[in-house]
């Protein structure tokens, strides 16, 4: 794939037969169409959002609706990304730089990502600390920090009994109910 893309980048500069990529949201609502030629010929470090943004700017006033829809769709992604980074890795700023510098091809190379970020193979089990899932509960940030500091990871929190949770939380029964609801959502395949 990489060699093919490099070849297209070199020889496709003056070709007009490269098609379009259509960007849609989760409801298949058309957000934008990007010429595949531009996508392929663009430097690999350029982010998809930057490419889409160029087209939105070209649309002028009509692009305002598309931009609003795009913000709607991507709202909260940065927060979730940061929580995931905190779940698995100690230095989230370095991780952010790592991902920002990845090309499209390298972003799909899971072995490379696993070895660079975790210093482990893909087959190794990595337990999350629990920041992302715990943010879905009624716990505040301080309670989440204390809980994670005490139990170290999410699996330990889940297996914690009511007595040990009572030492940390003011209402452990409510917390356990919330965790059970989240578990059910996961088991049913619902978005968490």
Foldseek 3Di string as FASTA:
>chain_A
DVVVLVVCLVPVPPDDPFAWDFDAAPVRHTLDIGGVSCVSNDDQLDDPVVRSVVVLVVVPPVSVVSVVVVCVRCPPVVVLLQQQCQFFADDVVVVVVVVSRDGPVRVPVVQVVCCVGVVDGPVDDTFTLCRNVCVQAPDDPVLSVVLSVVQVGDVSSLPDDPVVVVVRDVDSVSVNVSVVVVVVCVVVVHDD
